[in-house]
Amino acid sequence: MSADEHAPNAVTGEFLVCLADEVPWRDVRHTVDTLVATHGGTVMTILETLPGFGVRATGEQALAYAADPAVGAVEESRRTR
């Protein structure tokens, strides 16, 4: 993902951050708190079963999340019909 790439139906400034497989479910909230304190943004929701979270962030912050070893993937949120 680059700061200039946008998915179809993307919601600008909103991202889904999926945590790395190595993060145990019992550590999801702590990991989210640590990531947001490190990279910035505003948590919209925490998805413990995914595990991951929705965050309002800049493209630059999203790239920082994607480079963090605690993160498995970052995707721009999308509108659904």
N, C-alpha and C. Protein backbone atom coordinates (compact mmCIF):
# COMPACT_ATOMS: atom_id res chain seq x y z
N MET A 1 0.84 -1.17 0.00
CA MET A 1 0.00 0.00 0.00
C MET A 1 0.89 1.23 0.00
N SER A 2 0.56 2.21 -0.81
CA SER A 2 1.28 3.48 -0.78
C SER A 2 0.31 4.55 -0.31
N ALA A 3 0.85 5.68 0.10
CA ALA A 3 0.00 6.75 0.61
C ALA A 3 -0.96 7.28 -0.44
N ASP A 4 -0.66 7.06 -1.74
CA ASP A 4 -1.50 7.56 -2.82
C ASP A 4 -2.48 6.53 -3.37
N GLU A 5 -2.41 5.27 -2.95
CA GLU A 5 -3.31 4.23 -3.44
C GLU A 5 -4.64 4.31 -2.71
N HIS A 6 -5.73 4.10 -3.46
CA HIS A 6 -7.06 4.08 -2.86
C HIS A 6 -7.85 2.92 -3.46
N ALA A 7 -8.50 2.16 -2.59
CA ALA A 7 -9.33 1.06 -3.03
C ALA A 7 -10.65 1.60 -3.58
N PRO A 8 -11.32 0.81 -4.44
CA PRO A 8 -12.63 1.24 -4.90
C PRO A 8 -13.56 1.44 -3.70
N ASN A 9 -14.39 2.46 -3.72
CA ASN A 9 -15.32 2.78 -2.64
C ASN A 9 -14.62 3.07 -1.32
N ALA A 10 -13.38 3.52 -1.37
CA ALA A 10 -12.60 3.77 -0.15
C ALA A 10 -13.19 4.91 0.66
N VAL A 11 -13.09 4.78 1.98
CA VAL A 11 -13.46 5.84 2.89
C VAL A 11 -12.15 6.52 3.30
N THR A 12 -11.90 7.69 2.77
CA THR A 12 -10.64 8.37 3.00
C THR A 12 -10.42 8.60 4.49
N GLY A 13 -9.24 8.22 4.96
CA GLY A 13 -8.86 8.47 6.34
C GLY A 13 -9.34 7.44 7.34
N GLU A 14 -9.95 6.35 6.86
CA GLU A 14 -10.39 5.28 7.76
C GLU A 14 -9.77 3.98 7.30
N PHE A 15 -9.18 3.23 8.25
CA PHE A 15 -8.44 2.02 7.93
C PHE A 15 -8.82 0.88 8.87
N LEU A 16 -8.72 -0.34 8.35
CA LEU A 16 -8.85 -1.55 9.15
C LEU A 16 -7.43 -2.08 9.33
N VAL A 17 -7.02 -2.21 10.57
CA VAL A 17 -5.68 -2.71 10.89
C VAL A 17 -5.85 -4.12 11.46
N CYS A 18 -5.32 -5.11 10.76
CA CYS A 18 -5.36 -6.50 11.23
C CYS A 18 -4.04 -6.79 11.93
N LEU A 19 -4.13 -7.30 13.14
CA LEU A 19 -2.92 -7.59 13.90
C LEU A 19 -2.24 -8.85 13.38
N ALA A 20 -0.96 -8.96 13.65
CA ALA A 20 -0.18 -10.13 13.23
C ALA A 20 -0.70 -11.37 13.94
N ASP A 21 -0.54 -12.51 13.30
CA ASP A 21 -1.00 -13.79 13.86
C ASP A 21 -0.38 -14.07 15.22
N GLU A 22 0.81 -13.54 15.47
CA GLU A 22 1.53 -13.80 16.71
C GLU A 22 0.92 -13.11 17.92
N VAL A 23 0.02 -12.14 17.70
CA VAL A 23 -0.58 -11.40 18.82
C VAL A 23 -1.70 -12.26 19.41
N PRO A 24 -1.56 -12.70 20.67
CA PRO A 24 -2.61 -13.51 21.29
C PRO A 24 -3.88 -12.69 21.52
N TRP A 25 -5.03 -13.31 21.44
CA TRP A 25 -6.30 -12.58 21.58
C TRP A 25 -6.37 -11.84 22.91
N ARG A 26 -5.76 -12.38 23.97
CA ARG A 26 -5.81 -11.72 25.28
C ARG A 26 -5.01 -10.42 25.31
N ASP A 27 -4.13 -10.21 24.32
CA ASP A 27 -3.30 -9.00 24.26
C ASP A 27 -3.79 -7.98 23.24
N VAL A 28 -4.96 -8.21 22.64
CA VAL A 28 -5.43 -7.33 21.56
C VAL A 28 -5.58 -5.90 22.04
N ARG A 29 -6.29 -5.66 23.11
CA ARG A 29 -6.53 -4.28 23.58
C ARG A 29 -5.22 -3.57 23.93
N HIS A 30 -4.33 -4.25 24.62
CA HIS A 30 -3.04 -3.66 24.97
C HIS A 30 -2.23 -3.34 23.71
N THR A 31 -2.25 -4.25 22.73
CA THR A 31 -1.51 -4.04 21.49
C THR A 31 -2.08 -2.85 20.72
N VAL A 32 -3.41 -2.74 20.66
CA VAL A 32 -4.05 -1.60 19.99
C VAL A 32 -3.64 -0.29 20.69
N ASP A 33 -3.71 -0.27 22.01
CA ASP A 33 -3.33 0.94 22.75
C ASP A 33 -1.89 1.34 22.46
N THR A 34 -1.00 0.35 22.42
CA THR A 34 0.42 0.61 22.16
C THR A 34 0.63 1.13 20.74
N LEU A 35 -0.04 0.51 19.76
CA LEU A 35 0.09 0.94 18.37
C LEU A 35 -0.40 2.37 18.17
N VAL A 36 -1.54 2.70 18.75
CA VAL A 36 -2.10 4.04 18.58
C VAL A 36 -1.23 5.08 19.30
N ALA A 37 -0.68 4.73 20.45
CA ALA A 37 0.22 5.65 21.15
C ALA A 37 1.49 5.89 20.33
N THR A 38 1.91 4.87 19.59
CA THR A 38 3.14 4.97 18.80
C THR A 38 2.92 5.69 17.47
N HIS A 39 1.83 5.33 16.76
CA HIS A 39 1.64 5.80 15.38
C HIS A 39 0.56 6.87 15.22
N GLY A 40 -0.27 7.09 16.24
CA GLY A 40 -1.31 8.10 16.17
C GLY A 40 -2.60 7.59 15.57
N GLY A 41 -3.55 8.50 15.43
CA GLY A 41 -4.86 8.15 14.91
C GLY A 41 -5.87 8.04 16.05
N THR A 42 -7.12 7.77 15.67
CA THR A 42 -8.22 7.64 16.62
C THR A 42 -8.90 6.30 16.41
N VAL A 43 -8.94 5.49 17.45
CA VAL A 43 -9.58 4.17 17.35
C VAL A 43 -11.08 4.36 17.21
N MET A 44 -11.67 3.68 16.22
CA MET A 44 -13.11 3.71 16.01
C MET A 44 -13.76 2.49 16.65
N THR A 45 -13.11 1.34 16.53
CA THR A 45 -13.63 0.09 17.10
C THR A 45 -12.48 -0.90 17.25
N ILE A 46 -12.61 -1.78 18.23
CA ILE A 46 -11.65 -2.86 18.41
C ILE A 46 -12.37 -4.17 18.10
N LEU A 47 -11.76 -4.97 17.24
CA LEU A 47 -12.34 -6.25 16.81
C LEU A 47 -11.48 -7.37 17.39
N GLU A 48 -11.83 -7.81 18.60
CA GLU A 48 -11.00 -8.81 19.27
C GLU A 48 -10.99 -10.15 18.56
N THR A 49 -12.07 -10.51 17.88
CA THR A 49 -12.12 -11.81 17.22
C THR A 49 -11.37 -11.83 15.90
N LEU A 50 -11.10 -10.65 15.30
CA LEU A 50 -10.39 -10.61 14.02
C LEU A 50 -8.94 -11.07 14.16
N PRO A 51 -8.09 -10.70 14.98
CA PRO A 51 -8.06 -9.51 15.80
C PRO A 51 -7.57 -8.29 15.02
N GLY A 52 -8.13 -7.15 15.37
CA GLY A 52 -7.74 -5.92 14.71
C GLY A 52 -8.56 -4.76 15.21
N PHE A 53 -8.49 -3.64 14.47
CA PHE A 53 -9.23 -2.45 14.89
C PHE A 53 -9.42 -1.51 13.72
N GLY A 54 -10.46 -0.69 13.83
CA GLY A 54 -10.69 0.38 12.88
C GLY A 54 -10.10 1.65 13.44
N VAL A 55 -9.47 2.44 12.58
CA VAL A 55 -8.80 3.65 13.03
C VAL A 55 -8.97 4.77 12.01
N ARG A 56 -9.17 5.99 12.51
CA ARG A 56 -9.10 7.17 11.66
C ARG A 56 -7.65 7.63 11.71
N ALA A 57 -7.04 7.75 10.53
CA ALA A 57 -5.61 8.07 10.48
C ALA A 57 -5.27 8.67 9.12
N THR A 58 -4.12 9.29 9.05
CA THR A 58 -3.62 9.79 7.77
C THR A 58 -3.02 8.63 6.99
N GLY A 59 -2.79 8.84 5.71
CA GLY A 59 -2.12 7.82 4.90
C GLY A 59 -0.72 7.52 5.43
N GLU A 60 -0.04 8.54 5.90
CA GLU A 60 1.30 8.36 6.46
C GLU A 60 1.26 7.50 7.73
N GLN A 61 0.26 7.75 8.58
CA GLN A 61 0.11 6.93 9.78
C GLN A 61 -0.22 5.48 9.40
N ALA A 62 -1.07 5.29 8.39
CA ALA A 62 -1.42 3.95 7.94
C ALA A 62 -0.18 3.19 7.46
N LEU A 63 0.71 3.88 6.77
CA LEU A 63 1.95 3.24 6.33
C LEU A 63 2.82 2.85 7.51
N ALA A 64 2.83 3.69 8.56
CA ALA A 64 3.60 3.36 9.76
C ALA A 64 3.01 2.13 10.45
N TYR A 65 1.67 2.05 10.51
CA TYR A 65 1.04 0.84 11.06
C TYR A 65 1.46 -0.39 10.25
N ALA A 66 1.41 -0.27 8.93
CA ALA A 66 1.72 -1.41 8.06
C ALA A 66 3.16 -1.89 8.24
N ALA A 67 4.06 -1.01 8.61
CA ALA A 67 5.47 -1.37 8.79
C ALA A 67 5.75 -1.95 10.18
N ASP A 68 4.78 -1.87 11.08
CA ASP A 68 4.99 -2.33 12.46
C ASP A 68 4.90 -3.86 12.50
N PRO A 69 5.83 -4.54 13.17
CA PRO A 69 5.81 -6.01 13.22
C PRO A 69 4.59 -6.59 13.95
N ALA A 70 3.87 -5.79 14.74
CA ALA A 70 2.67 -6.29 15.42
C ALA A 70 1.45 -6.28 14.49
N VAL A 71 1.63 -5.75 13.27
CA VAL A 71 0.52 -5.62 12.32
C VAL A 71 0.70 -6.59 11.15
N GLY A 72 -0.38 -7.28 10.83
CA GLY A 72 -0.36 -8.21 9.70
C GLY A 72 -0.75 -7.54 8.39
N ALA A 73 -1.72 -6.61 8.44
CA ALA A 73 -2.19 -5.95 7.23
C ALA A 73 -2.95 -4.68 7.59
N VAL A 74 -2.95 -3.74 6.64
CA VAL A 74 -3.73 -2.51 6.78
C VAL A 74 -4.49 -2.32 5.48
N GLU A 75 -5.79 -2.09 5.60
CA GLU A 75 -6.64 -1.85 4.42
C GLU A 75 -7.46 -0.60 4.65
N GLU A 76 -7.66 0.16 3.59
CA GLU A 76 -8.55 1.31 3.68
C GLU A 76 -9.98 0.80 3.83
N SER A 77 -10.76 1.43 4.71
CA SER A 77 -12.16 1.06 4.85
C SER A 77 -12.90 1.35 3.56
N ARG A 78 -13.94 0.59 3.30
CA ARG A 78 -14.72 0.75 2.05
C ARG A 78 -16.19 0.88 2.37
N ARG A 79 -16.87 1.66 1.55
CA ARG A 79 -18.33 1.75 1.65
C ARG A 79 -18.95 0.51 1.01
N THR A 80 -20.02 0.04 1.60
CA THR A 80 -20.78 -1.06 1.01
C THR A 80 -22.15 -0.56 0.65
N ARG A 81 -22.77 -1.22 -0.27
CA ARG A 81 -24.12 -0.78 -0.69
C ARG A 81 -25.17 -1.49 0.09
